[in-house]
C-alpha cells in the first residue's frame, strides 16, 4: 500500500501525515489488492464567506478501478 498526503494552500505537518495513515491506512488494509495506491489532498480555503473551507479528497486506485471521495468541514482537523 502506498499512501501520499499533500496539501494545497498550506503545509502538511508530520502529525497530519500520521493521522491520515492511521485513519485511511487502517481502512485500506482490509483490501487484499496489490498494488493499492491512495492519494490524500487536503485544501484550506481562505475565503471567509465559505462556511466549510477545509476539504479532504481521497483517491484510491486498485486493480484498474478508481474510488474518489471528498468532504468539506469547518476545520482541517475534523
Protein backbone atom coordinates (compact mmCIF):
# COMPACT_ATOMS: atom_id res chain seq x y z
CA UNK A 1 0.00 0.00 0.00
CA UNK A 2 1.32 3.43 -0.97
CA UNK A 3 -0.15 6.47 0.79
CA UNK A 4 0.60 10.02 -0.39
CA UNK A 5 -0.58 13.07 1.57
CA UNK A 6 -0.33 16.53 0.01
CA UNK A 7 -1.63 19.97 0.93
CA UNK A 8 -2.89 22.80 -1.20
CA UNK A 9 -2.50 26.36 0.09
CA UNK A 10 -0.84 25.19 3.34
CA UNK A 11 1.96 22.96 4.57
CA UNK A 12 1.35 19.40 5.73
CA UNK A 13 2.76 18.55 9.14
CA UNK A 14 4.06 15.17 10.26
CA UNK A 15 1.08 14.92 12.60
CA UNK A 16 -1.33 15.21 9.64
CA UNK A 17 0.54 12.52 7.70
CA UNK A 18 0.42 10.16 10.67
CA UNK A 19 -3.28 10.92 11.23
CA UNK A 20 -4.14 10.16 7.58
CA UNK A 21 -2.08 6.97 7.68
CA UNK A 22 -3.86 5.90 10.85
CA UNK A 23 -7.41 6.63 9.68
CA UNK A 24 -7.23 5.83 5.97
CA UNK A 25 -4.49 3.23 6.14
CA UNK A 26 -6.40 1.11 8.64
CA UNK A 27 -9.49 1.11 6.42
CA UNK A 28 -7.45 0.27 3.30
CA UNK A 29 -5.68 -2.66 4.94
CA UNK A 30 -8.95 -4.58 4.64
CA UNK A 31 -8.47 -4.69 0.87
CA UNK A 32 -6.42 -7.62 -0.37
CA UNK A 33 -5.40 -5.89 -3.61
CA UNK A 34 -1.90 -5.26 -4.84
CA UNK A 35 -0.88 -2.65 -5.98
CA UNK A 36 -3.01 -0.27 -3.93
CA UNK A 37 -2.28 3.47 -4.05
CA UNK A 38 -4.04 6.12 -2.01
CA UNK A 39 -3.73 9.86 -2.55
CA UNK A 40 -4.96 12.31 0.08
CA UNK A 41 -5.21 16.01 -0.80
CA UNK A 42 -6.01 18.49 1.98
CA UNK A 43 -7.11 22.00 1.00
CA UNK A 44 -7.70 25.04 3.20
CA UNK A 45 -9.56 27.94 1.53
CA UNK A 46 -9.08 31.44 2.91
CA UNK A 47 -12.45 32.80 1.79
CA UNK A 48 -14.36 33.95 4.91
CA UNK A 49 -17.68 33.61 3.10
CA UNK A 50 -17.17 29.84 2.74
CA UNK A 51 -18.79 28.13 5.78
CA UNK A 52 -16.76 24.92 5.27
CA UNK A 53 -13.34 25.96 3.95
CA UNK A 54 -11.45 22.74 4.78
CA UNK A 55 -11.60 19.97 2.17
CA UNK A 56 -10.24 16.43 2.17
CA UNK A 57 -10.09 14.46 -1.08
CA UNK A 58 -9.17 10.77 -1.07
CA UNK A 59 -8.47 8.85 -4.28
CA UNK A 60 -7.93 5.10 -4.11
CA UNK A 61 -6.57 3.23 -7.12
CA UNK A 62 -6.66 -0.56 -7.10
CA UNK A 63 -6.94 -3.24 -9.74
CA UNK A 64 -7.78 -0.81 -12.54
CA UNK A 65 -10.56 0.83 -10.51
CA UNK A 66 -10.64 4.34 -9.06
CA UNK A 67 -12.61 5.40 -5.98
CA UNK A 68 -12.73 9.14 -5.23
CA UNK A 69 -14.41 10.75 -2.21
CA UNK A 70 -14.27 14.26 -0.80
CA UNK A 71 -15.63 16.01 2.26
CA UNK A 72 -15.78 19.65 3.40
CA UNK A 73 -15.69 20.75 7.06
CA UNK A 74 -15.16 23.87 9.14
CA UNK A 75 -11.58 22.99 10.09
CA UNK A 76 -8.94 20.70 8.61
CA UNK A 77 -8.64 18.56 11.76
CA UNK A 78 -12.29 17.49 11.52
